[in-house]
Amino acid sequence: MKNVTFFKYQGTGNDFVMIDNRTEFFPKKNVELIEKLCDRRFGIGGDGLILLENDATADFKMVYYNADGNESTMCGNGGRCIVSFAHFLGIFSKDTTFNAIDGLHHATINENGIVALQMIDVVKDTIKKDTEFTFLFTGSPHHVAMVNDIQNFNVFENGKNIRYSDQYKPGGTNVNFVEQLSNNSFKIRTYERGVEDETLSCGTGATAVAIAMNSLGKTAANKITIQVQGGDVQVTFDQNEEKYYNVMLTGAAKQVFKGEISID
């Protein structure tokens, strides 16, 4: 048995087990262990687990696992949380660049703990527009659909059905349901693959919704407020005929607690 120090972080309610793995002690291939650590009854509890590691080309590296124990695609809120964690560890002061599964990300943190994270560019030709939904990739795949009365909408059942539908096999997709609040603000609820449930917030999902709503002409704004179950985030971007770029996801990321847990 080995005692492991961990930290718990959350970004607008999207919560993560955070471990400093710069000495590479953590058994990264142990899917059962990661799933157990993320279990809210038998472990620490979290929507995912994130390892902070050394990187040859950047300040640090982010390795992200879903709550099911499998390494996954980019997590926006997890990215904001690991920036806050790296700042806490003294890795950087105000500005940082880190590596993730989808490449390099730039980020800043201010004195109030607000993290602005640069997301990947989205090429406009890759945005799929259907009469009932929009699909795009913002570091992770996202199905975006507008609904009425979102607060009473059955996100779990409808999200699960879409996530496991034939059109998204074999990997599945995240599913976002959207209701417009004003000309530059939207409320969303997200079913996340890997968690296999609704989460209080999804950073790549908020980014996907902001870009999808602009692409559909629902808003002309390039600074969009996304209201998630756990609070608000802002998505800003520039665009030209080819792509959305300088995409920034901004919001608070906070350390909740620190602890120790024994692992085999």
C-alpha atoms as a PDB file:
ATOM      1  CA  MET A   1       0.000   0.000   0.000  1.00  0.00           C
ATOM      2  CA  LYS A   2       1.137   3.516  -0.784  1.00  0.00           C
ATOM      3  CA  ASN A   3      -0.220   6.777   0.617  1.00  0.00           C
ATOM      4  CA  VAL A   4      -0.955   9.254  -2.171  1.00  0.00           C
ATOM      5  CA  THR A   5      -1.538  12.955  -1.641  1.00  0.00           C
ATOM      6  CA  PHE A   6      -4.380  14.283  -3.762  1.00  0.00           C
ATOM      7  CA  PHE A   7      -6.203  17.566  -4.229  1.00  0.00           C
ATOM      8  CA  LYS A   8      -9.828  18.150  -5.161  1.00  0.00           C
ATOM      9  CA  TYR A   9     -10.623  20.996  -7.576  1.00  0.00           C
ATOM     10  CA  GLN A  10     -13.850  22.217  -9.135  1.00  0.00           C
ATOM     11  CA  GLY A  11     -14.684  24.548 -11.996  1.00  0.00           C
ATOM     12  CA  THR A  12     -18.340  25.645 -11.962  1.00  0.00           C
ATOM     13  CA  GLY A  13     -19.215  22.361 -10.277  1.00  0.00           C
ATOM     14  CA  ASN A  14     -17.239  20.100 -12.617  1.00  0.00           C
ATOM     15  CA  ASP A  15     -15.000  18.370 -10.053  1.00  0.00           C
ATOM     16  CA  PHE A  16     -11.702  16.539 -10.389  1.00  0.00           C
ATOM     17  CA  VAL A  17      -9.227  14.523  -8.371  1.00  0.00           C
ATOM     18  CA  MET A  18      -5.861  16.209  -8.997  1.00  0.00           C
ATOM     19  CA  ILE A  19      -2.503  14.483  -8.470  1.00  0.00           C
ATOM     20  CA  ASP A  20       1.030  15.842  -8.883  1.00  0.00           C
ATOM     21  CA  ASN A  21       2.658  13.060 -10.915  1.00  0.00           C
ATOM     22  CA  ARG A  22       5.912  14.790 -11.844  1.00  0.00           C
ATOM     23  CA  THR A  23       7.828  11.889 -10.274  1.00  0.00           C
ATOM     24  CA  GLU A  24       5.746   9.464 -12.381  1.00  0.00           C
ATOM     25  CA  PHE A  25       4.776   7.250  -9.450  1.00  0.00           C
ATOM     26  CA  PHE A  26       1.103   6.878 -10.355  1.00  0.00           C
ATOM     27  CA  PRO A  27      -0.038   3.596 -12.019  1.00  0.00           C
ATOM     28  CA  LYS A  28      -1.559   5.247 -15.090  1.00  0.00           C
ATOM     29  CA  LYS A  29      -2.784   2.035 -16.726  1.00  0.00           C
ATOM     30  CA  ASN A  30      -4.797   0.922 -13.688  1.00  0.00           C
ATOM     31  CA  VAL A  31      -8.309   1.650 -14.936  1.00  0.00           C
ATOM     32  CA  GLU A  32      -9.970   0.060 -11.881  1.00  0.00           C
ATOM     33  CA  LEU A  33      -7.964   2.243  -9.495  1.00  0.00           C
ATOM     34  CA  ILE A  34      -8.798   5.473 -11.330  1.00  0.00           C
ATOM     35  CA  GLU A  35     -12.481   4.506 -11.473  1.00  0.00           C
ATOM     36  CA  LYS A  36     -12.433   3.764  -7.733  1.00  0.00           C
ATOM     37  CA  LEU A  37     -10.761   7.081  -6.882  1.00  0.00           C
ATOM     38  CA  CYS A  38     -13.495   8.896  -8.838  1.00  0.00           C
ATOM     39  CA  ASP A  39     -16.289   6.902  -7.164  1.00  0.00           C
ATOM     40  CA  ARG A  40     -18.370   9.159  -4.920  1.00  0.00           C
ATOM     41  CA  ARG A  41     -19.196   6.358  -2.462  1.00  0.00           C
ATOM     42  CA  PHE A  42     -16.090   4.175  -2.314  1.00  0.00           C
ATOM     43  CA  GLY A  43     -13.396   6.668  -3.298  1.00  0.00           C
ATOM     44  CA  ILE A  44     -12.692  10.403  -3.309  1.00  0.00           C
ATOM     45  CA  GLY A  45     -15.341  11.323  -5.856  1.00  0.00           C
ATOM     46  CA  GLY A  46     -15.054  13.321  -9.047  1.00  0.00           C
ATOM     47  CA  ASP A  47     -16.126  13.698 -12.653  1.00  0.00           C
ATOM     48  CA  GLY A  48     -12.573  12.762 -13.589  1.00  0.00           C
ATOM     49  CA  LEU A  49      -8.970  12.387 -12.462  1.00  0.00           C
ATOM     50  CA  ILE A  50      -6.145  14.591 -13.726  1.00  0.00           C
ATOM     51  CA  LEU A  51      -2.409  13.992 -13.488  1.00  0.00           C
ATOM     52  CA  LEU A  52       0.012  16.919 -13.666  1.00  0.00           C
ATOM     53  CA  GLU A  53       3.278  15.778 -15.241  1.00  0.00           C
ATOM     54  CA  ASN A  54       6.521  17.246 -16.558  1.00  0.00           C
ATOM     55  CA  ASP A  55       6.677  18.140 -20.242  1.00  0.00           C
ATOM     56  CA  ALA A  56       9.711  18.771 -22.439  1.00  0.00           C
ATOM     57  CA  THR A  57       8.098  21.534 -24.491  1.00  0.00           C
ATOM     58  CA  ALA A  58       5.793  23.299 -22.004  1.00  0.00           C
ATOM     59  CA  ASP A  59       5.437  24.199 -18.323  1.00  0.00           C
ATOM     60  CA  PHE A  60       3.616  20.945 -17.586  1.00  0.00           C
ATOM     61  CA  LYS A  61       1.437  18.237 -19.098  1.00  0.00           C
ATOM     62  CA  MET A  62      -2.210  17.418 -18.398  1.00  0.00           C
ATOM     63  CA  VAL A  63      -3.286  13.771 -18.488  1.00  0.00           C
ATOM     64  CA  TYR A  64      -7.055  13.440 -18.124  1.00  0.00           C
ATOM     65  CA  TYR A  65      -9.160  10.402 -17.227  1.00  0.00           C
ATOM     66  CA  ASN A  66     -12.929  10.156 -17.204  1.00  0.00           C
ATOM     67  CA  ALA A  67     -14.688   8.808 -14.120  1.00  0.00           C
ATOM     68  CA  ASP A  68     -14.872   5.403 -15.831  1.00  0.00           C
ATOM     69  CA  GLY A  69     -11.067   5.159 -15.503  1.00  0.00           C
ATOM     70  CA  ASN A  70     -10.219   5.607 -19.180  1.00  0.00           C
ATOM     71  CA  GLU A  71      -7.967   8.337 -20.581  1.00  0.00           C
ATOM     72  CA  SER A  72     -10.108  10.709 -22.579  1.00  0.00           C
ATOM     73  CA  THR A  73     -10.130  13.715 -24.875  1.00  0.00           C
ATOM     74  CA  MET A  74      -9.684  17.304 -23.719  1.00  0.00           C
ATOM     75  CA  CYS A  75     -11.649  18.598 -20.729  1.00  0.00           C
ATOM     76  CA  GLY A  76     -12.066  22.392 -20.649  1.00  0.00           C
ATOM     77  CA  ASN A  77     -12.994  22.751 -16.988  1.00  0.00           C
ATOM     78  CA  GLY A  78     -10.304  20.234 -16.110  1.00  0.00           C
ATOM     79  CA  GLY A  79      -7.896  22.400 -18.065  1.00  0.00           C
ATOM     80  CA  ARG A  80      -8.887  25.441 -16.029  1.00  0.00           C
ATOM     81  CA  CYS A  81      -8.507  23.442 -12.803  1.00  0.00           C
ATOM     82  CA  ILE A  82      -5.051  22.110 -13.649  1.00  0.00           C
ATOM     83  CA  VAL A  83      -3.930  25.665 -14.419  1.00  0.00           C
ATOM     84  CA  SER A  84      -5.077  26.661 -10.934  1.00  0.00           C
ATOM     85  CA  PHE A  85      -3.305  23.596  -9.486  1.00  0.00           C
ATOM     86  CA  ALA A  86      -0.052  24.365 -11.318  1.00  0.00           C
ATOM     87  CA  HIS A  87      -0.236  27.938 -10.048  1.00  0.00           C
ATOM     88  CA  PHE A  88      -0.732  26.615  -6.505  1.00  0.00           C
ATOM     89  CA  LEU A  89       2.353  24.390  -6.936  1.00  0.00           C
ATOM     90  CA  GLY A  90       4.411  27.418  -8.001  1.00  0.00           C
ATOM     91  CA  ILE A  91       5.030  26.193 -11.545  1.00  0.00           C
ATOM     92  CA  PHE A  92       4.139  29.601 -13.016  1.00  0.00           C
ATOM     93  CA  SER A  93       3.064  33.064 -11.891  1.00  0.00           C
ATOM     94  CA  LYS A  94       0.485  34.590 -14.282  1.00  0.00           C
ATOM     95  CA  ASP A  95       0.848  33.039 -17.736  1.00  0.00           C
ATOM     96  CA  THR A  96       1.449  29.441 -18.691  1.00  0.00           C
ATOM     97  CA  THR A  97       1.558  27.007 -21.586  1.00  0.00           C
ATOM     98  CA  PHE A  98       0.800  23.331 -21.049  1.00  0.00           C
ATOM     99  CA  ASN A  99       0.421  20.240 -23.163  1.00  0.00           C
ATOM    100  CA  ALA A 100      -2.759  18.185 -23.352  1.00  0.00           C
ATOM    101  CA  ILE A 101      -4.041  15.398 -25.553  1.00  0.00           C
ATOM    102  CA  ASP A 102      -5.199  17.926 -28.183  1.00  0.00           C
ATOM    103  CA  GLY A 103      -1.957  19.945 -28.168  1.00  0.00           C
ATOM    104  CA  LEU A 104      -0.607  23.087 -26.509  1.00  0.00           C
ATOM    105  CA  HIS A 105      -2.855  25.391 -24.491  1.00  0.00           C
ATOM    106  CA  HIS A 106      -2.095  28.890 -23.259  1.00  0.00           C
ATOM    107  CA  ALA A 107      -3.737  30.175 -20.075  1.00  0.00           C
ATOM    108  CA  THR A 108      -3.676  32.968 -17.520  1.00  0.00           C
ATOM    109  CA  ILE A 109      -4.856  33.235 -13.925  1.00  0.00           C
ATOM    110  CA  ASN A 110      -5.657  36.423 -12.019  1.00  0.00           C
ATOM    111  CA  GLU A 111      -5.588  37.293  -8.323  1.00  0.00           C
ATOM    112  CA  ASN A 112      -9.213  36.176  -7.926  1.00  0.00           C
ATOM    113  CA  GLY A 113      -8.547  32.693  -9.283  1.00  0.00           C
ATOM    114  CA  ILE A 114     -10.252  33.340 -12.622  1.00  0.00           C
ATOM    115  CA  VAL A 115      -8.628  31.209 -15.304  1.00  0.00           C
ATOM    116  CA  ALA A 116      -8.738  32.082 -19.005  1.00  0.00           C
ATOM    117  CA  LEU A 117      -7.906  29.000 -21.072  1.00  0.00           C
ATOM    118  CA  GLN A 118      -7.240  29.009 -24.791  1.00  0.00           C
ATOM    119  CA  MET A 119      -9.109  26.229 -26.554  1.00  0.00           C
ATOM    120  CA  ILE A 120      -8.364  24.733 -29.974  1.00  0.00           C
ATOM    121  CA  ASP A 121      -9.406  26.460 -33.200  1.00  0.00           C
ATOM    122  CA  VAL A 122     -12.597  25.208 -34.844  1.00  0.00           C
ATOM    123  CA  VAL A 123     -12.574  25.059 -38.635  1.00  0.00           C
ATOM    124  CA  LYS A 124     -15.980  26.096 -39.932  1.00  0.00           C
ATOM    125  CA  ASP A 125     -16.138  23.347 -42.570  1.00  0.00           C
ATOM    126  CA  THR A 126     -15.979  20.738 -39.772  1.00  0.00           C
ATOM    127  CA  ILE A 127     -19.164  22.006 -38.079  1.00  0.00           C
ATOM    128  CA  LYS A 128     -22.028  19.693 -39.019  1.00  0.00           C
ATOM    129  CA  LYS A 129     -25.429  21.423 -39.105  1.00  0.00           C
ATOM    130  CA  ASP A 130     -28.579  19.334 -39.112  1.00  0.00           C
ATOM    131  CA  THR A 131     -32.167  20.530 -38.784  1.00  0.00           C
ATOM    132  CA  GLU A 132     -32.301  19.212 -35.213  1.00  0.00           C
ATOM    133  CA  PHE A 133     -28.726  19.541 -33.961  1.00  0.00           C
ATOM    134  CA  THR A 134     -25.214  20.843 -34.558  1.00  0.00           C
ATOM    135  CA  PHE A 135     -22.104  18.705 -34.127  1.00  0.00           C
ATOM    136  CA  LEU A 136     -18.573  19.993 -33.634  1.00  0.00           C
ATOM    137  CA  PHE A 137     -15.247  19.136 -32.004  1.00  0.00           C
ATOM    138  CA  THR A 138     -13.802  21.541 -29.431  1.00  0.00           C
ATOM    139  CA  GLY A 139     -11.176  19.200 -27.980  1.00  0.00           C
ATOM    140  CA  SER A 140     -13.968  16.676 -27.385  1.00  0.00           C
ATOM    141  CA  PRO A 141     -16.968  15.774 -29.591  1.00  0.00           C
ATOM    142  CA  HIS A 142     -20.214  17.622 -28.883  1.00  0.00           C
ATOM    143  CA  HIS A 143     -23.794  17.227 -30.058  1.00  0.00           C
ATOM    144  CA  VAL A 144     -25.684  20.523 -29.517  1.00  0.00           C
ATOM    145  CA  ALA A 145     -29.489  20.728 -29.606  1.00  0.00           C
ATOM    146  CA  MET A 146     -31.827  23.568 -28.680  1.00  0.00           C
ATOM    147  CA  VAL A 147     -34.789  22.787 -26.406  1.00  0.00           C
ATOM    148  CA  ASN A 148     -37.575  24.609 -24.596  1.00  0.00           C
ATOM    149  CA  ASP A 149     -38.011  24.646 -20.798  1.00  0.00           C
ATOM    150  CA  ILE A 150     -34.516  23.274 -20.270  1.00  0.00           C
ATOM    151  CA  GLN A 151     -34.863  23.173 -16.473  1.00  0.00           C
ATOM    152  CA  ASN A 152     -37.532  20.468 -16.731  1.00  0.00           C
ATOM    153  CA  PHE A 153     -35.952  18.652 -19.668  1.00  0.00           C
ATOM    154  CA  ASN A 154     -34.933  15.020 -19.116  1.00  0.00           C
ATOM    155  CA  VAL A 155     -31.219  15.424 -19.798  1.00  0.00           C
ATOM    156  CA  PHE A 156     -30.212  11.963 -18.594  1.00  0.00           C
ATOM    157  CA  GLU A 157     -32.571   9.898 -20.745  1.00  0.00           C
ATOM    158  CA  ASN A 158     -32.348  12.050 -23.867  1.00  0.00           C
ATOM    159  CA  GLY A 159     -28.618  12.561 -23.541  1.00  0.00           C
ATOM    160  CA  LYS A 160     -27.956   8.866 -23.021  1.00  0.00           C
ATOM    161  CA  ASN A 161     -30.023   7.928 -26.069  1.00  0.00           C
ATOM    162  CA  ILE A 162     -28.061  10.325 -28.296  1.00  0.00           C
ATOM    163  CA  ARG A 163     -24.685   9.450 -26.754  1.00  0.00           C
ATOM    164  CA  TYR A 164     -25.207   5.748 -27.570  1.00  0.00           C
ATOM    165  CA  SER A 165     -27.014   6.259 -30.888  1.00  0.00           C
ATOM    166  CA  ASP A 166     -25.745   4.577 -34.050  1.00  0.00           C
ATOM    167  CA  GLN A 167     -24.590   7.867 -35.592  1.00  0.00           C
ATOM    168  CA  TYR A 168     -21.938   8.268 -32.868  1.00  0.00           C
ATOM    169  CA  LYS A 169     -20.683   4.706 -32.631  1.00  0.00           C
ATOM    170  CA  PRO A 170     -18.201   3.475 -31.592  1.00  0.00           C
ATOM    171  CA  GLY A 171     -16.792   6.328 -29.480  1.00  0.00           C
ATOM    172  CA  GLY A 172     -19.969   8.158 -28.558  1.00  0.00           C
ATOM    173  CA  THR A 173     -20.350  11.875 -27.974  1.00  0.00           C
ATOM    174  CA  ASN A 174     -21.103  14.434 -25.298  1.00  0.00           C
ATOM    175  CA  VAL A 175     -24.592  15.909 -25.568  1.00  0.00           C
ATOM    176  CA  ASN A 176     -25.554  19.512 -24.824  1.00  0.00           C
ATOM    177  CA  PHE A 177     -29.099  20.855 -24.560  1.00  0.00           C
ATOM    178  CA  VAL A 178     -29.443  24.623 -24.966  1.00  0.00           C
ATOM    179  CA  GLU A 179     -31.972  27.348 -24.240  1.00  0.00           C
ATOM    180  CA  GLN A 180     -31.349  30.949 -25.316  1.00  0.00           C
ATOM    181  CA  LEU A 181     -31.636  33.534 -22.525  1.00  0.00           C
ATOM    182  CA  SER A 182     -30.679  36.738 -24.370  1.00  0.00           C
ATOM    183  CA  ASN A 183     -28.848  37.837 -27.502  1.00  0.00           C
ATOM    184  CA  ASN A 184     -25.490  36.807 -26.000  1.00  0.00           C
ATOM    185  CA  SER A 185     -26.314  34.322 -23.227  1.00  0.00           C
ATOM    186  CA  PHE A 186     -27.452  30.710 -23.205  1.00  0.00           C
ATOM    187  CA  LYS A 187     -28.309  28.133 -20.583  1.00  0.00           C
ATOM    188  CA  ILE A 188     -27.016  24.609 -21.128  1.00  0.00           C
ATOM    189  CA  ARG A 189     -27.203  21.185 -19.540  1.00  0.00           C
ATOM    190  CA  THR A 190     -24.761  18.473 -20.558  1.00  0.00           C
ATOM    191  CA  TYR A 191     -24.684  14.688 -20.566  1.00  0.00           C
ATOM    192  CA  GLU A 192     -21.024  13.665 -20.519  1.00  0.00           C
ATOM    193  CA  ARG A 193     -19.707  10.408 -21.927  1.00  0.00           C
ATOM    194  CA  GLY A 194     -17.286   8.677 -19.567  1.00  0.00           C
ATOM    195  CA  VAL A 195     -19.198  10.091 -16.599  1.00  0.00           C
ATOM    196  CA  GLU A 196     -22.372   8.669 -18.163  1.00  0.00           C
ATOM    197  CA  ASP A 197     -24.533  11.222 -16.442  1.00  0.00           C
ATOM    198  CA  GLU A 198     -25.334  14.909 -16.408  1.00  0.00           C
ATOM    199  CA  THR A 199     -22.535  17.023 -14.944  1.00  0.00           C
ATOM    200  CA  LEU A 200     -22.879  20.473 -13.385  1.00  0.00           C
ATOM    201  CA  SER A 201     -20.621  21.948 -16.037  1.00  0.00           C
ATOM    202  CA  CYS A 202     -18.683  21.018 -19.177  1.00  0.00           C
ATOM    203  CA  GLY A 203     -16.009  23.368 -20.511  1.00  0.00           C
ATOM    204  CA  THR A 204     -15.621  21.937 -24.002  1.00  0.00           C
ATOM    205  CA  GLY A 205     -19.430  21.768 -24.102  1.00  0.00           C
ATOM    206  CA  ALA A 206     -19.817  25.448 -23.182  1.00  0.00           C
ATOM    207  CA  THR A 207     -17.271  26.266 -25.885  1.00  0.00           C
ATOM    208  CA  ALA A 208     -19.108  24.123 -28.417  1.00  0.00           C
ATOM    209  CA  VAL A 209     -22.448  25.746 -27.616  1.00  0.00           C
ATOM    210  CA  ALA A 210     -21.072  29.292 -27.952  1.00  0.00           C
ATOM    211  CA  ILE A 211     -19.528  28.546 -31.346  1.00  0.00           C
ATOM    212  CA  ALA A 212     -22.568  26.571 -32.541  1.00  0.00           C
ATOM    213  CA  MET A 213     -24.960  29.382 -31.614  1.00  0.00           C
ATOM    214  CA  ASN A 214     -22.817  31.915 -33.479  1.00  0.00           C
ATOM    215  CA  SER A 215     -22.499  29.583 -36.459  1.00  0.00           C
ATOM    216  CA  LEU A 216     -26.284  29.124 -36.566  1.00  0.00           C
ATOM    217  CA  GLY A 217     -26.875  32.901 -36.405  1.00  0.00           C
ATOM    218  CA  LYS A 218     -28.556  32.730 -32.980  1.00  0.00           C
ATOM    219  CA  THR A 219     -26.074  35.362 -31.795  1.00  0.00           C
ATOM    220  CA  ALA A 220     -23.686  37.756 -33.505  1.00  0.00           C
ATOM    221  CA  ALA A 221     -21.682  38.214 -30.293  1.00  0.00           C
ATOM    222  CA  ASN A 222     -18.098  37.055 -29.907  1.00  0.00           C
ATOM    223  CA  LYS A 223     -18.310  37.198 -26.101  1.00  0.00           C
ATOM    224  CA  ILE A 224     -20.952  34.784 -24.886  1.00  0.00           C
ATOM    225  CA  THR A 225     -22.083  33.905 -21.376  1.00  0.00           C
ATOM    226  CA  ILE A 226     -22.899  30.255 -20.846  1.00  0.00           C
ATOM    227  CA  GLN A 227     -25.000  29.462 -17.783  1.00  0.00           C
ATOM    228  CA  VAL A 228     -24.337  25.936 -16.559  1.00  0.00           C
ATOM    229  CA  GLN A 229     -25.817  24.139 -13.571  1.00  0.00           C
ATOM    230  CA  GLY A 230     -22.769  25.093 -11.482  1.00  0.00           C
ATOM    231  CA  GLY A 231     -22.522  28.791 -12.418  1.00  0.00           C
ATOM    232  CA  ASP A 232     -21.432  30.888 -15.394  1.00  0.00           C
ATOM    233  CA  VAL A 233     -18.489  30.775 -17.792  1.00  0.00           C
ATOM    234  CA  GLN A 234     -17.595  33.096 -20.641  1.00  0.00           C
ATOM    235  CA  VAL A 235     -16.521  32.040 -24.111  1.00  0.00           C
ATOM    236  CA  THR A 236     -14.840  34.566 -26.416  1.00  0.00           C
ATOM    237  CA  PHE A 237     -13.427  34.096 -29.899  1.00  0.00           C
ATOM    238  CA  ASP A 238     -12.344  35.720 -33.137  1.00  0.00           C
ATOM    239  CA  GLN A 239     -13.335  34.401 -36.514  1.00  0.00           C
ATOM    240  CA  ASN A 240     -12.670  34.673 -40.212  1.00  0.00           C
ATOM    241  CA  GLU A 241     -14.157  32.899 -43.218  1.00  0.00           C
ATOM    242  CA  GLU A 242     -12.208  29.756 -42.419  1.00  0.00           C
ATOM    243  CA  LYS A 243     -12.323  29.239 -38.673  1.00  0.00           C
ATOM    244  CA  TYR A 244     -13.006  30.314 -35.106  1.00  0.00           C
ATOM    245  CA  TYR A 245      -9.708  31.130 -33.383  1.00  0.00           C
ATOM    246  CA  ASN A 246      -8.381  32.748 -30.196  1.00  0.00           C
ATOM    247  CA  VAL A 247     -11.131  30.767 -28.476  1.00  0.00           C
ATOM    248  CA  MET A 248     -11.008  31.438 -24.725  1.00  0.00           C
ATOM    249  CA  LEU A 249     -12.928  29.704 -21.940  1.00  0.00           C
ATOM    250  CA  THR A 250     -12.951  31.830 -18.783  1.00  0.00           C
ATOM    251  CA  GLY A 251     -14.215  31.128 -15.277  1.00  0.00           C
ATOM    252  CA  ALA A 252     -13.255  30.357 -11.689  1.00  0.00           C
ATOM    253  CA  ALA A 253     -11.337  27.221 -10.718  1.00  0.00           C
ATOM    254  CA  LYS A 254     -11.028  26.470  -7.023  1.00  0.00           C
ATOM    255  CA  GLN A 255      -9.249  24.054  -4.722  1.00  0.00           C
ATOM    256  CA  VAL A 256     -11.841  22.347  -2.525  1.00  0.00           C
ATOM    257  CA  PHE A 257      -9.683  20.201  -0.276  1.00  0.00           C
ATOM    258  CA  LYS A 258      -6.459  18.193   0.091  1.00  0.00           C
ATOM    259  CA  GLY A 259      -6.133  14.669   1.426  1.00  0.00           C
ATOM    260  CA  GLU A 260      -4.340  11.336   1.449  1.00  0.00           C
ATOM    261  CA  ILE A 261      -5.564   8.001   0.240  1.00  0.00           C
ATOM    262  CA  SER A 262      -3.974   4.547   0.249  1.00  0.00           C
ATOM    263  CA  ILE A 263      -3.610   2.706  -3.052  1.00  0.00           C
ATOM    264  CA  ASP A 264      -2.210  -0.746  -3.886  1.00  0.00           C
END
